[in-house]
Amino acid sequence: MGQRGEPEEEEEELVDPLTTLREQCEQIEKCVKARERLELCSERVSSRPETEEQCTEELFDFLHARDHCVAHKLFSKLK
């Protein structure tokens, strides 16, 4: 029971539509390929003890592809 003897109502867990859309968009072919390139770069960088490579370009490519997909879908979800 909550305050003042009132029964507690279960609160519905709110889900951010942006998070949901990002997860969905990460599954499209363009994003999957960009993520694979990012992961390959990360593995390559991690395997080298001394390197100046940082995978910035691969990260930006992945984020751009995902956010491009999200941009076309997000505003229809907002109230």
PDB file of N, CA and C in Angstrom:
ATOM      1  N   MET A   1       0.840  -1.184   0.000  1.00  0.00           N
ATOM      2  CA  MET A   1       0.000   0.000   0.000  1.00  0.00           C
ATOM      3  C   MET A   1       0.880   1.239   0.000  1.00  0.00           C
ATOM      4  N   GLY A   2       0.416   2.248  -0.670  1.00  0.00           N
ATOM      5  CA  GLY A   2       1.152   3.497  -0.773  1.00  0.00           C
ATOM      6  C   GLY A   2       0.852   4.390   0.405  1.00  0.00           C
ATOM      7  N   GLN A   3       1.129   5.658   0.268  1.00  0.00           N
ATOM      8  CA  GLN A   3       0.889   6.627   1.328  1.00  0.00           C
ATOM      9  C   GLN A   3      -0.611   6.763   1.574  1.00  0.00           C
ATOM     10  N   ARG A   4      -0.971   7.069   2.777  1.00  0.00           N
ATOM     11  CA  ARG A   4      -2.352   7.290   3.208  1.00  0.00           C
ATOM     12  C   ARG A   4      -3.249   6.086   2.948  1.00  0.00           C
ATOM     13  N   GLY A   5      -2.696   4.892   2.979  1.00  0.00           N
ATOM     14  CA  GLY A   5      -3.497   3.695   2.867  1.00  0.00           C
ATOM     15  C   GLY A   5      -4.069   3.428   1.488  1.00  0.00           C
ATOM     16  N   GLU A   6      -3.629   4.145   0.473  1.00  0.00           N
ATOM     17  CA  GLU A   6      -4.138   3.930  -0.875  1.00  0.00           C
ATOM     18  C   GLU A   6      -3.363   2.792  -1.532  1.00  0.00           C
ATOM     19  N   PRO A   7      -4.058   1.957  -2.281  1.00  0.00           N
ATOM     20  CA  PRO A   7      -3.321   0.889  -2.969  1.00  0.00           C
ATOM     21  C   PRO A   7      -2.387   1.487  -4.020  1.00  0.00           C
ATOM     22  N   GLU A   8      -1.205   0.901  -4.142  1.00  0.00           N
ATOM     23  CA  GLU A   8      -0.240   1.398  -5.111  1.00  0.00           C
ATOM     24  C   GLU A   8      -0.640   0.954  -6.509  1.00  0.00           C
ATOM     25  N   GLU A   9      -0.556   1.870  -7.443  1.00  0.00           N
ATOM     26  CA  GLU A   9      -0.798   1.532  -8.833  1.00  0.00           C
ATOM     27  C   GLU A   9       0.543   1.193  -9.468  1.00  0.00           C
ATOM     28  N   GLU A  10       0.532   0.138 -10.259  1.00  0.00           N
ATOM     29  CA  GLU A  10       1.764  -0.202 -10.948  1.00  0.00           C
ATOM     30  C   GLU A  10       1.969   0.796 -12.065  1.00  0.00           C
ATOM     31  N   GLU A  11       3.162   1.379 -12.086  1.00  0.00           N
ATOM     32  CA  GLU A  11       3.462   2.361 -13.121  1.00  0.00           C
ATOM     33  C   GLU A  11       3.943   1.641 -14.367  1.00  0.00           C
ATOM     34  N   GLU A  12       3.419   2.072 -15.496  1.00  0.00           N
ATOM     35  CA  GLU A  12       3.862   1.519 -16.756  1.00  0.00           C
ATOM     36  C   GLU A  12       5.245   2.070 -17.057  1.00  0.00           C
ATOM     37  N   GLU A  13       6.162   1.171 -17.391  1.00  0.00           N
ATOM     38  CA  GLU A  13       7.522   1.615 -17.683  1.00  0.00           C
ATOM     39  C   GLU A  13       7.532   2.332 -19.028  1.00  0.00           C
ATOM     40  N   LEU A  14       8.012   3.554 -19.018  1.00  0.00           N
ATOM     41  CA  LEU A  14       8.068   4.341 -20.240  1.00  0.00           C
ATOM     42  C   LEU A  14       9.286   3.926 -21.059  1.00  0.00           C
ATOM     43  N   VAL A  15       9.083   3.818 -22.347  1.00  0.00           N
ATOM     44  CA  VAL A  15      10.167   3.447 -23.247  1.00  0.00           C
ATOM     45  C   VAL A  15      10.390   4.616 -24.193  1.00  0.00           C
ATOM     46  N   ASP A  16      11.616   5.046 -24.269  1.00  0.00           N
ATOM     47  CA  ASP A  16      11.967   6.155 -25.143  1.00  0.00           C
ATOM     48  C   ASP A  16      11.868   5.699 -26.600  1.00  0.00           C
ATOM     49  N   PRO A  17      11.022   6.346 -27.408  1.00  0.00           N
ATOM     50  CA  PRO A  17      10.892   5.925 -28.808  1.00  0.00           C
ATOM     51  C   PRO A  17      12.196   6.067 -29.592  1.00  0.00           C
ATOM     52  N   LEU A  18      13.048   6.992 -29.198  1.00  0.00           N
ATOM     53  CA  LEU A  18      14.331   7.159 -29.880  1.00  0.00           C
ATOM     54  C   LEU A  18      15.189   5.903 -29.714  1.00  0.00           C
ATOM     55  N   THR A  19      15.228   5.379 -28.492  1.00  0.00           N
ATOM     56  CA  THR A  19      16.009   4.170 -28.220  1.00  0.00           C
ATOM     57  C   THR A  19      15.469   2.999 -29.033  1.00  0.00           C
ATOM     58  N   THR A  20      14.157   2.851 -29.057  1.00  0.00           N
ATOM     59  CA  THR A  20      13.527   1.768 -29.805  1.00  0.00           C
ATOM     60  C   THR A  20      13.832   1.880 -31.292  1.00  0.00           C
ATOM     61  N   LEU A  21      13.696   3.076 -31.844  1.00  0.00           N
ATOM     62  CA  LEU A  21      13.975   3.272 -33.270  1.00  0.00           C
ATOM     63  C   LEU A  21      15.444   3.034 -33.594  1.00  0.00           C
ATOM     64  N   ARG A  22      16.334   3.457 -32.713  1.00  0.00           N
ATOM     65  CA  ARG A  22      17.762   3.207 -32.956  1.00  0.00           C
ATOM     66  C   ARG A  22      18.039   1.711 -33.025  1.00  0.00           C
ATOM     67  N   GLU A  23      17.441   0.949 -32.114  1.00  0.00           N
ATOM     68  CA  GLU A  23      17.643  -0.498 -32.115  1.00  0.00           C
ATOM     69  C   GLU A  23      17.103  -1.118 -33.401  1.00  0.00           C
ATOM     70  N   GLN A  24      15.946  -0.650 -33.853  1.00  0.00           N
ATOM     71  CA  GLN A  24      15.367  -1.170 -35.096  1.00  0.00           C
ATOM     72  C   GLN A  24      16.230  -0.797 -36.292  1.00  0.00           C
ATOM     73  N   CYS A  25      16.671   0.439 -36.334  1.00  0.00           N
ATOM     74  CA  CYS A  25      17.463   0.910 -37.467  1.00  0.00           C
ATOM     75  C   CYS A  25      18.826   0.231 -37.539  1.00  0.00           C
ATOM     76  N   GLU A  26      19.363  -0.170 -36.404  1.00  0.00           N
ATOM     77  CA  GLU A  26      20.658  -0.851 -36.396  1.00  0.00           C
ATOM     78  C   GLU A  26      20.587  -2.205 -37.099  1.00  0.00           C
ATOM     79  N   GLN A  27      19.376  -2.699 -37.355  1.00  0.00           N
ATOM     80  CA  GLN A  27      19.204  -3.999 -37.993  1.00  0.00           C
ATOM     81  C   GLN A  27      19.123  -3.921 -39.516  1.00  0.00           C
ATOM     82  N   ILE A  28      19.006  -2.702 -40.074  1.00  0.00           N
ATOM     83  CA  ILE A  28      18.921  -2.604 -41.531  1.00  0.00           C
ATOM     84  C   ILE A  28      20.307  -2.851 -42.134  1.00  0.00           C
ATOM     85  N   GLU A  29      20.313  -3.277 -43.379  1.00  0.00           N
ATOM     86  CA  GLU A  29      21.549  -3.717 -44.027  1.00  0.00           C
ATOM     87  C   GLU A  29      22.659  -2.665 -44.003  1.00  0.00           C
ATOM     88  N   LYS A  30      22.316  -1.428 -44.302  1.00  0.00           N
ATOM     89  CA  LYS A  30      23.329  -0.372 -44.344  1.00  0.00           C
ATOM     90  C   LYS A  30      23.997  -0.194 -42.976  1.00  0.00           C
ATOM     91  N   CYS A  31      23.211  -0.244 -41.908  1.00  0.00           N
ATOM     92  CA  CYS A  31      23.766  -0.084 -40.564  1.00  0.00           C
ATOM     93  C   CYS A  31      24.574  -1.314 -40.135  1.00  0.00           C
ATOM     94  N   VAL A  32      24.096  -2.487 -40.523  1.00  0.00           N
ATOM     95  CA  VAL A  32      24.809  -3.720 -40.175  1.00  0.00           C
ATOM     96  C   VAL A  32      26.199  -3.698 -40.806  1.00  0.00           C
ATOM     97  N   LYS A  33      26.276  -3.285 -42.061  1.00  0.00           N
ATOM     98  CA  LYS A  33      27.579  -3.231 -42.742  1.00  0.00           C
ATOM     99  C   LYS A  33      28.491  -2.184 -42.102  1.00  0.00           C
ATOM    100  N   ALA A  34      27.923  -1.036 -41.753  1.00  0.00           N
ATOM    101  CA  ALA A  34      28.732   0.015 -41.111  1.00  0.00           C
ATOM    102  C   ALA A  34      29.222  -0.457 -39.747  1.00  0.00           C
ATOM    103  N   ARG A  35      28.377  -1.172 -38.999  1.00  0.00           N
ATOM    104  CA  ARG A  35      28.786  -1.693 -37.688  1.00  0.00           C
ATOM    105  C   ARG A  35      29.896  -2.732 -37.851  1.00  0.00           C
ATOM    106  N   GLU A  36      29.783  -3.577 -38.872  1.00  0.00           N
ATOM    107  CA  GLU A  36      30.824  -4.580 -39.120  1.00  0.00           C
ATOM    108  C   GLU A  36      32.162  -3.911 -39.400  1.00  0.00           C
ATOM    109  N   ARG A  37      32.139  -2.844 -40.222  1.00  0.00           N
ATOM    110  CA  ARG A  37      33.390  -2.114 -40.502  1.00  0.00           C
ATOM    111  C   ARG A  37      33.956  -1.492 -39.224  1.00  0.00           C
ATOM    112  N   LEU A  38      33.080  -0.965 -38.378  1.00  0.00           N
ATOM    113  CA  LEU A  38      33.505  -0.381 -37.102  1.00  0.00           C
ATOM    114  C   LEU A  38      34.117  -1.443 -36.195  1.00  0.00           C
ATOM    115  N   GLU A  39      33.468  -2.598 -36.107  1.00  0.00           N
ATOM    116  CA  GLU A  39      33.984  -3.669 -35.249  1.00  0.00           C
ATOM    117  C   GLU A  39      35.312  -4.209 -35.757  1.00  0.00           C
ATOM    118  N   LEU A  40      35.454  -4.343 -37.087  1.00  0.00           N
ATOM    119  CA  LEU A  40      36.739  -4.782 -37.648  1.00  0.00           C
ATOM    120  C   LEU A  40      37.843  -3.788 -37.319  1.00  0.00           C
ATOM    121  N   CYS A  41      37.532  -2.508 -37.443  1.00  0.00           N
ATOM    122  CA  CYS A  41      38.512  -1.477 -37.119  1.00  0.00           C
ATOM    123  C   CYS A  41      38.880  -1.549 -35.634  1.00  0.00           C
ATOM    124  N   SER A  42      37.885  -1.704 -34.796  1.00  0.00           N
ATOM    125  CA  SER A  42      38.132  -1.782 -33.345  1.00  0.00           C
ATOM    126  C   SER A  42      39.038  -2.960 -33.001  1.00  0.00           C
ATOM    127  N   GLU A  43      38.757  -4.100 -33.621  1.00  0.00           N
ATOM    128  CA  GLU A  43      39.597  -5.283 -33.378  1.00  0.00           C
ATOM    129  C   GLU A  43      41.024  -5.041 -33.854  1.00  0.00           C
ATOM    130  N   ARG A  44      41.149  -4.411 -35.016  1.00  0.00           N
ATOM    131  CA  ARG A  44      42.476  -4.121 -35.566  1.00  0.00           C
ATOM    132  C   ARG A  44      43.256  -3.191 -34.637  1.00  0.00           C
ATOM    133  N   VAL A  45      42.587  -2.153 -34.146  1.00  0.00           N
ATOM    134  CA  VAL A  45      43.235  -1.186 -33.258  1.00  0.00           C
ATOM    135  C   VAL A  45      43.593  -1.854 -31.928  1.00  0.00           C
ATOM    136  N   SER A  46      42.693  -2.665 -31.422  1.00  0.00           N
ATOM    137  CA  SER A  46      42.939  -3.337 -30.137  1.00  0.00           C
ATOM    138  C   SER A  46      44.082  -4.341 -30.211  1.00  0.00           C
ATOM    139  N   SER A  47      44.309  -4.901 -31.396  1.00  0.00           N
ATOM    140  CA  SER A  47      45.348  -5.917 -31.538  1.00  0.00           C
ATOM    141  C   SER A  47      46.751  -5.318 -31.668  1.00  0.00           C
ATOM    142  N   ARG A  48      46.832  -4.029 -31.865  1.00  0.00           N
ATOM    143  CA  ARG A  48      48.134  -3.374 -32.034  1.00  0.00           C
ATOM    144  C   ARG A  48      48.498  -2.619 -30.758  1.00  0.00           C
ATOM    145  N   PRO A  49      49.688  -2.869 -30.235  1.00  0.00           N
ATOM    146  CA  PRO A  49      50.069  -2.167 -29.000  1.00  0.00           C
ATOM    147  C   PRO A  49      50.286  -0.667 -29.210  1.00  0.00           C
ATOM    148  N   GLU A  50      50.811  -0.310 -30.374  1.00  0.00           N
ATOM    149  CA  GLU A  50      51.040   1.107 -30.638  1.00  0.00           C
ATOM    150  C   GLU A  50      50.458   1.458 -31.994  1.00  0.00           C
ATOM    151  N   THR A  51      49.416   2.294 -31.982  1.00  0.00           N
ATOM    152  CA  THR A  51      48.815   2.752 -33.232  1.00  0.00           C
ATOM    153  C   THR A  51      48.150   4.093 -32.997  1.00  0.00           C
ATOM    154  N   GLU A  52      48.097   4.876 -34.024  1.00  0.00           N
ATOM    155  CA  GLU A  52      47.427   6.171 -33.930  1.00  0.00           C
ATOM    156  C   GLU A  52      46.013   6.098 -34.488  1.00  0.00           C
ATOM    157  N   GLU A  53      45.656   4.952 -35.073  1.00  0.00           N
ATOM    158  CA  GLU A  53      44.324   4.772 -35.644  1.00  0.00           C
ATOM    159  C   GLU A  53      43.275   4.765 -34.532  1.00  0.00           C
ATOM    160  N   GLN A  54      42.129   5.420 -34.778  1.00  0.00           N
ATOM    161  CA  GLN A  54      41.102   5.519 -33.742  1.00  0.00           C
ATOM    162  C   GLN A  54      39.709   5.097 -34.199  1.00  0.00           C
ATOM    163  N   CYS A  55      39.510   4.755 -35.448  1.00  0.00           N
ATOM    164  CA  CYS A  55      38.213   4.326 -35.995  1.00  0.00           C
ATOM    165  C   CYS A  55      37.153   5.423 -35.970  1.00  0.00           C
ATOM    166  N   THR A  56      37.574   6.660 -35.961  1.00  0.00           N
ATOM    167  CA  THR A  56      36.624   7.777 -35.926  1.00  0.00           C
ATOM    168  C   THR A  56      35.735   7.786 -37.164  1.00  0.00           C
ATOM    169  N   GLU A  57      36.325   7.605 -38.322  1.00  0.00           N
ATOM    170  CA  GLU A  57      35.548   7.623 -39.561  1.00  0.00           C
ATOM    171  C   GLU A  57      34.506   6.506 -39.570  1.00  0.00           C
ATOM    172  N   GLU A  58      34.897   5.313 -39.131  1.00  0.00           N
ATOM    173  CA  GLU A  58      33.963   4.182 -39.096  1.00  0.00           C
ATOM    174  C   GLU A  58      32.827   4.430 -38.107  1.00  0.00           C
ATOM    175  N   LEU A  59      33.152   5.034 -36.976  1.00  0.00           N
ATOM    176  CA  LEU A  59      32.115   5.359 -35.992  1.00  0.00           C
ATOM    177  C   LEU A  59      31.133   6.373 -36.566  1.00  0.00           C
ATOM    178  N   PHE A  60      31.640   7.416 -37.182  1.00  0.00           N
ATOM    179  CA  PHE A  60      30.764   8.431 -37.768  1.00  0.00           C
ATOM    180  C   PHE A  60      29.903   7.851 -38.886  1.00  0.00           C
ATOM    181  N   ASP A  61      30.473   6.945 -39.693  1.00  0.00           N
ATOM    182  CA  ASP A  61      29.696   6.306 -40.759  1.00  0.00           C
ATOM    183  C   ASP A  61      28.532   5.512 -40.175  1.00  0.00           C
ATOM    184  N   PHE A  62      28.799   4.760 -39.119  1.00  0.00           N
ATOM    185  CA  PHE A  62      27.740   3.975 -38.483  1.00  0.00           C
ATOM    186  C   PHE A  62      26.668   4.885 -37.884  1.00  0.00           C
ATOM    187  N   LEU A  63      27.088   5.891 -37.128  1.00  0.00           N
ATOM    188  CA  LEU A  63      26.117   6.796 -36.496  1.00  0.00           C
ATOM    189  C   LEU A  63      25.300   7.544 -37.544  1.00  0.00           C
ATOM    190  N   HIS A  64      25.927   7.941 -38.637  1.00  0.00           N
ATOM    191  CA  HIS A  64      25.222   8.637 -39.705  1.00  0.00           C
ATOM    192  C   HIS A  64      24.152   7.732 -40.324  1.00  0.00           C
ATOM    193  N   ALA A  65      24.515   6.493 -40.618  1.00  0.00           N
ATOM    194  CA  ALA A  65      23.565   5.563 -41.231  1.00  0.00           C
ATOM    195  C   ALA A  65      22.387   5.305 -40.291  1.00  0.00           C
ATOM    196  N   ARG A  66      22.680   5.079 -39.021  1.00  0.00           N
ATOM    197  CA  ARG A  66      21.612   4.814 -38.051  1.00  0.00           C
ATOM    198  C   ARG A  66      20.717   6.030 -37.863  1.00  0.00           C
ATOM    199  N   ASP A  67      21.318   7.195 -37.684  1.00  0.00           N
ATOM    200  CA  ASP A  67      20.531   8.400 -37.437  1.00  0.00           C
ATOM    201  C   ASP A  67      19.746   8.837 -38.672  1.00  0.00           C
ATOM    202  N   HIS A  68      20.261   8.545 -39.860  1.00  0.00           N
ATOM    203  CA  HIS A  68      19.529   8.846 -41.087  1.00  0.00           C
ATOM    204  C   HIS A  68      18.235   8.023 -41.122  1.00  0.00           C
ATOM    205  N   CYS A  69      18.325   6.775 -40.754  1.00  0.00           N
ATOM    206  CA  CYS A  69      17.148   5.905 -40.686  1.00  0.00           C
ATOM    207  C   CYS A  69      16.176   6.411 -39.623  1.00  0.00           C
ATOM    208  N   VAL A  70      16.690   6.741 -38.445  1.00  0.00           N
ATOM    209  CA  VAL A  70      15.849   7.206 -37.329  1.00  0.00           C
ATOM    210  C   VAL A  70      15.132   8.502 -37.704  1.00  0.00           C
ATOM    211  N   ALA A  71      15.814   9.400 -38.377  1.00  0.00           N
ATOM    212  CA  ALA A  71      15.242  10.708 -38.705  1.00  0.00           C
ATOM    213  C   ALA A  71      13.960  10.579 -39.519  1.00  0.00           C
ATOM    214  N   HIS A  72      13.891   9.571 -40.370  1.00  0.00           N
ATOM    215  CA  HIS A  72      12.702   9.402 -41.212  1.00  0.00           C
ATOM    216  C   HIS A  72      11.528   8.810 -40.454  1.00  0.00           C
ATOM    217  N   LYS A  73      11.773   8.237 -39.288  1.00  0.00           N
ATOM    218  CA  LYS A  73      10.710   7.551 -38.546  1.00  0.00           C
ATOM    219  C   LYS A  73      10.317   8.218 -37.232  1.00  0.00           C
ATOM    220  N   LEU A  74      11.204   8.978 -36.659  1.00  0.00           N
ATOM    221  CA  LEU A  74      11.009   9.481 -35.294  1.00  0.00           C
ATOM    222  C   LEU A  74       9.812  10.403 -35.140  1.00  0.00           C
ATOM    223  N   PHE A  75       9.661  11.370 -36.006  1.00  0.00           N
ATOM    224  CA  PHE A  75       8.649  12.390 -35.799  1.00  0.00           C
ATOM    225  C   PHE A  75       7.221  11.857 -35.910  1.00  0.00           C
ATOM    226  N   SER A  76       7.041  10.745 -36.582  1.00  0.00           N
ATOM    227  CA  SER A  76       5.705  10.138 -36.632  1.00  0.00           C
ATOM    228  C   SER A  76       5.355   9.481 -35.293  1.00  0.00           C
ATOM    229  N   LYS A  77       6.360   9.230 -34.463  1.00  0.00           N
ATOM    230  CA  LYS A  77       6.152   8.595 -33.160  1.00  0.00           C
ATOM    231  C   LYS A  77       5.894   9.604 -32.051  1.00  0.00           C
ATOM    232  N   LEU A  78       6.226  10.869 -32.275  1.00  0.00           N
ATOM    233  CA  LEU A  78       6.077  11.887 -31.243  1.00  0.00           C
ATOM    234  C   LEU A  78       4.661  12.404 -31.208  1.00  0.00           C
ATOM    235  N   LYS A  79       4.215  12.760 -30.030  1.00  0.00           N
ATOM    236  CA  LYS A  79       2.850  13.284 -29.862  1.00  0.00           C
ATOM    237  C   LYS A  79       2.867  14.783 -29.832  1.00  0.00           C
TER     238      LYS A  79
END
